[in-house]
Amino acid sequence: MLIAATALGILGLVFIAVGWALAIGDVPPLRLTIPYLIGSALLTVYSIINWDLVFIALNAAATALSAVNLVRRIRMGKANAKDHR
């Protein structure tokens, strides 16, 4: 049963990663990125405490993606500010 549960978890992780990959060109707004970054970081810590490898991988990836999106959004804002001068 543990193997089946792990396989389900890995399959879910793969589908979520595919969804992220398909949306990689879109940069979400800061009002979504910041709470997502904080939430995924907290869930990463929670997953580490509970030593759930599937959720450690998923939440660590979500945290990294959110951090990248935060940087991308900030850079977009700076580029737009320069265009309006």
N, C-alpha and C. Protein backbone atom coordinates (compact mmCIF):
# COMPACT_ATOMS: atom_id res chain seq x y z
N MET A 1 0.82 -1.20 0.00
CA MET A 1 0.00 0.00 0.00
C MET A 1 0.86 1.26 0.00
N LEU A 2 1.99 1.22 0.71
CA LEU A 2 2.88 2.37 0.75
C LEU A 2 3.43 2.69 -0.63
N ILE A 3 3.74 1.66 -1.40
CA ILE A 3 4.26 1.87 -2.76
C ILE A 3 3.21 2.54 -3.63
N ALA A 4 1.96 2.11 -3.52
CA ALA A 4 0.87 2.71 -4.31
C ALA A 4 0.66 4.17 -3.91
N ALA A 5 0.73 4.46 -2.63
CA ALA A 5 0.55 5.84 -2.16
C ALA A 5 1.70 6.72 -2.66
N THR A 6 2.90 6.20 -2.60
CA THR A 6 4.06 6.95 -3.09
C THR A 6 3.94 7.19 -4.59
N ALA A 7 3.50 6.18 -5.33
CA ALA A 7 3.33 6.33 -6.78
C ALA A 7 2.28 7.40 -7.08
N LEU A 8 1.19 7.42 -6.32
CA LEU A 8 0.17 8.46 -6.50
C LEU A 8 0.75 9.84 -6.22
N GLY A 9 1.53 9.95 -5.17
CA GLY A 9 2.15 11.23 -4.83
C GLY A 9 3.09 11.70 -5.92
N ILE A 10 3.90 10.80 -6.45
CA ILE A 10 4.84 11.16 -7.51
C ILE A 10 4.08 11.54 -8.77
N LEU A 11 3.03 10.82 -9.10
CA LEU A 11 2.22 11.15 -10.26
C LEU A 11 1.58 12.53 -10.12
N GLY A 12 1.08 12.85 -8.95
CA GLY A 12 0.53 14.17 -8.70
C GLY A 12 1.58 15.25 -8.84
N LEU A 13 2.77 14.99 -8.33
CA LEU A 13 3.88 15.93 -8.46
C LEU A 13 4.21 16.18 -9.92
N VAL A 14 4.24 15.12 -10.72
CA VAL A 14 4.54 15.25 -12.15
C VAL A 14 3.49 16.11 -12.85
N PHE A 15 2.22 15.86 -12.58
CA PHE A 15 1.16 16.65 -13.22
C PHE A 15 1.23 18.12 -12.82
N ILE A 16 1.53 18.40 -11.57
CA ILE A 16 1.67 19.78 -11.14
C ILE A 16 2.85 20.43 -11.84
N ALA A 17 3.97 19.72 -11.93
CA ALA A 17 5.15 20.25 -12.61
C ALA A 17 4.87 20.52 -14.09
N VAL A 18 4.11 19.64 -14.74
CA VAL A 18 3.73 19.86 -16.14
C VAL A 18 2.88 21.12 -16.25
N GLY A 19 1.95 21.30 -15.34
CA GLY A 19 1.13 22.52 -15.33
C GLY A 19 1.98 23.77 -15.18
N TRP A 20 2.96 23.72 -14.29
CA TRP A 20 3.86 24.86 -14.12
C TRP A 20 4.64 25.11 -15.41
N ALA A 21 5.14 24.05 -16.02
CA ALA A 21 5.93 24.20 -17.25
C ALA A 21 5.10 24.83 -18.36
N LEU A 22 3.84 24.46 -18.45
CA LEU A 22 2.97 25.02 -19.49
C LEU A 22 2.68 26.50 -19.26
N ALA A 23 2.75 26.94 -18.01
CA ALA A 23 2.43 28.33 -17.67
C ALA A 23 3.67 29.17 -17.41
N ILE A 24 4.85 28.66 -17.73
CA ILE A 24 6.10 29.32 -17.36
C ILE A 24 6.24 30.72 -17.97
N GLY A 25 5.64 30.97 -19.12
CA GLY A 25 5.75 32.30 -19.74
C GLY A 25 4.95 33.35 -19.02
N ASP A 26 3.93 32.96 -18.29
CA ASP A 26 3.08 33.91 -17.56
C ASP A 26 3.73 34.27 -16.23
N VAL A 27 3.71 35.54 -15.91
CA VAL A 27 4.23 35.99 -14.62
C VAL A 27 3.04 36.44 -13.79
N PRO A 28 2.74 35.71 -12.70
CA PRO A 28 1.58 36.09 -11.90
C PRO A 28 1.81 37.41 -11.16
N PRO A 29 0.73 38.08 -10.79
CA PRO A 29 0.86 39.35 -10.06
C PRO A 29 1.45 39.12 -8.66
N LEU A 30 2.01 40.19 -8.11
CA LEU A 30 2.61 40.09 -6.77
C LEU A 30 1.60 39.67 -5.71
N ARG A 31 0.35 40.08 -5.86
CA ARG A 31 -0.66 39.72 -4.85
C ARG A 31 -0.89 38.21 -4.79
N LEU A 32 -0.50 37.49 -5.82
CA LEU A 32 -0.56 36.03 -5.82
C LEU A 32 0.81 35.44 -5.48
N THR A 33 1.86 36.02 -6.01
CA THR A 33 3.21 35.47 -5.86
C THR A 33 3.69 35.48 -4.42
N ILE A 34 3.48 36.58 -3.73
CA ILE A 34 4.00 36.70 -2.36
C ILE A 34 3.35 35.71 -1.40
N PRO A 35 2.01 35.61 -1.34
CA PRO A 35 1.42 34.60 -0.45
C PRO A 35 1.79 33.17 -0.85
N TYR A 36 1.90 32.92 -2.15
CA TYR A 36 2.27 31.59 -2.64
C TYR A 36 3.69 31.26 -2.21
N LEU A 37 4.59 32.22 -2.29
CA LEU A 37 5.97 32.02 -1.87
C LEU A 37 6.04 31.71 -0.38
N ILE A 38 5.36 32.49 0.43
CA ILE A 38 5.36 32.27 1.88
C ILE A 38 4.72 30.93 2.23
N GLY A 39 3.58 30.65 1.62
CA GLY A 39 2.88 29.39 1.90
C GLY A 39 3.69 28.17 1.49
N SER A 40 4.28 28.21 0.32
CA SER A 40 5.05 27.05 -0.13
C SER A 40 6.32 26.88 0.70
N ALA A 41 6.92 27.97 1.16
CA ALA A 41 8.10 27.86 2.03
C ALA A 41 7.72 27.22 3.36
N LEU A 42 6.58 27.66 3.93
CA LEU A 42 6.13 27.06 5.18
C LEU A 42 5.77 25.58 5.01
N LEU A 43 5.14 25.25 3.89
CA LEU A 43 4.82 23.84 3.63
C LEU A 43 6.07 23.00 3.39
N THR A 44 7.12 23.60 2.85
CA THR A 44 8.38 22.89 2.69
C THR A 44 8.94 22.52 4.06
N VAL A 45 8.93 23.48 4.97
CA VAL A 45 9.41 23.21 6.33
C VAL A 45 8.56 22.13 6.99
N TYR A 46 7.26 22.24 6.85
CA TYR A 46 6.33 21.24 7.40
C TYR A 46 6.62 19.85 6.83
N SER A 47 6.87 19.78 5.53
CA SER A 47 7.16 18.50 4.88
C SER A 47 8.48 17.92 5.37
N ILE A 48 9.45 18.79 5.61
CA ILE A 48 10.74 18.32 6.14
C ILE A 48 10.56 17.78 7.55
N ILE A 49 9.80 18.49 8.36
CA ILE A 49 9.55 18.02 9.73
C ILE A 49 8.90 16.64 9.72
N ASN A 50 7.97 16.42 8.78
CA ASN A 50 7.28 15.14 8.68
C ASN A 50 7.98 14.15 7.77
N TRP A 51 9.08 14.57 7.17
CA TRP A 51 9.91 13.76 6.28
C TRP A 51 9.09 13.08 5.19
N ASP A 52 8.29 13.88 4.50
CA ASP A 52 7.49 13.42 3.37
C ASP A 52 8.20 13.85 2.09
N LEU A 53 8.93 12.92 1.49
CA LEU A 53 9.81 13.26 0.37
C LEU A 53 9.06 13.83 -0.84
N VAL A 54 7.88 13.31 -1.13
CA VAL A 54 7.12 13.82 -2.27
C VAL A 54 6.77 15.28 -2.04
N PHE A 55 6.30 15.60 -0.86
CA PHE A 55 5.90 16.98 -0.58
C PHE A 55 7.09 17.90 -0.33
N ILE A 56 8.20 17.34 0.13
CA ILE A 56 9.42 18.16 0.21
C ILE A 56 9.79 18.62 -1.20
N ALA A 57 9.81 17.68 -2.15
CA ALA A 57 10.17 18.02 -3.53
C ALA A 57 9.17 19.00 -4.14
N LEU A 58 7.89 18.73 -3.97
CA LEU A 58 6.85 19.58 -4.55
C LEU A 58 6.90 21.00 -3.97
N ASN A 59 6.95 21.10 -2.66
CA ASN A 59 6.91 22.42 -2.03
C ASN A 59 8.22 23.18 -2.21
N ALA A 60 9.33 22.48 -2.25
CA ALA A 60 10.60 23.16 -2.53
C ALA A 60 10.59 23.72 -3.95
N ALA A 61 10.06 22.94 -4.89
CA ALA A 61 9.96 23.43 -6.28
C ALA A 61 8.99 24.62 -6.36
N ALA A 62 7.89 24.55 -5.64
CA ALA A 62 6.92 25.66 -5.63
C ALA A 62 7.55 26.91 -5.03
N THR A 63 8.35 26.75 -3.99
CA THR A 63 9.03 27.89 -3.38
C THR A 63 10.02 28.50 -4.36
N ALA A 64 10.79 27.66 -5.02
CA ALA A 64 11.78 28.16 -6.00
C ALA A 64 11.08 28.88 -7.15
N LEU A 65 10.01 28.29 -7.67
CA LEU A 65 9.27 28.90 -8.77
C LEU A 65 8.68 30.24 -8.35
N SER A 66 8.15 30.31 -7.14
CA SER A 66 7.59 31.56 -6.65
C SER A 66 8.67 32.63 -6.49
N ALA A 67 9.83 32.22 -6.02
CA ALA A 67 10.93 33.18 -5.87
C ALA A 67 11.36 33.72 -7.24
N VAL A 68 11.43 32.83 -8.22
CA VAL A 68 11.78 33.26 -9.58
C VAL A 68 10.71 34.20 -10.12
N ASN A 69 9.45 33.87 -9.90
CA ASN A 69 8.36 34.74 -10.37
C ASN A 69 8.38 36.09 -9.66
N LEU A 70 8.76 36.11 -8.40
CA LEU A 70 8.87 37.37 -7.68
C LEU A 70 9.94 38.27 -8.32
N VAL A 71 11.08 37.69 -8.61
CA VAL A 71 12.15 38.44 -9.27
C VAL A 71 11.71 38.90 -10.65
N ARG A 72 11.07 38.02 -11.40
CA ARG A 72 10.60 38.38 -12.75
C ARG A 72 9.60 39.53 -12.68
N ARG A 73 8.67 39.47 -11.74
CA ARG A 73 7.64 40.51 -11.62
C ARG A 73 8.28 41.84 -11.23
N ILE A 74 9.23 41.81 -10.31
CA ILE A 74 9.90 43.04 -9.90
C ILE A 74 10.67 43.64 -11.07
N ARG A 75 11.36 42.80 -11.82
CA ARG A 75 12.10 43.29 -12.99
C ARG A 75 11.16 43.86 -14.04
N MET A 76 10.00 43.23 -14.22
CA MET A 76 9.02 43.75 -15.18
C MET A 76 8.53 45.13 -14.74
N GLY A 77 8.32 45.28 -13.44
CA GLY A 77 7.87 46.56 -12.91
C GLY A 77 8.90 47.65 -13.13
N LYS A 78 10.17 47.32 -12.93
CA LYS A 78 11.23 48.29 -13.16
C LYS A 78 11.34 48.65 -14.64
N ALA A 79 11.19 47.65 -15.50
CA ALA A 79 11.25 47.92 -16.95
C ALA A 79 10.10 48.81 -17.36
N ASN A 80 8.90 48.56 -16.85
CA ASN A 80 7.73 49.38 -17.17
C ASN A 80 7.89 50.79 -16.63
N ALA A 81 8.50 50.94 -15.48
CA ALA A 81 8.71 52.27 -14.90
C ALA A 81 9.66 53.08 -15.77
N LYS A 82 10.68 52.43 -16.32
CA LYS A 82 11.62 53.13 -17.21
C LYS A 82 10.93 53.57 -18.50
N ASP A 83 9.99 52.76 -18.99
CA ASP A 83 9.28 53.09 -20.22
C ASP A 83 8.37 54.30 -20.05
N HIS A 84 7.92 54.58 -18.83
CA HIS A 84 6.98 55.66 -18.58
C HIS A 84 7.66 56.97 -18.20
N ARG A 85 8.95 57.04 -18.28
CA ARG A 85 9.66 58.29 -17.92
C ARG A 85 9.67 59.24 -19.07
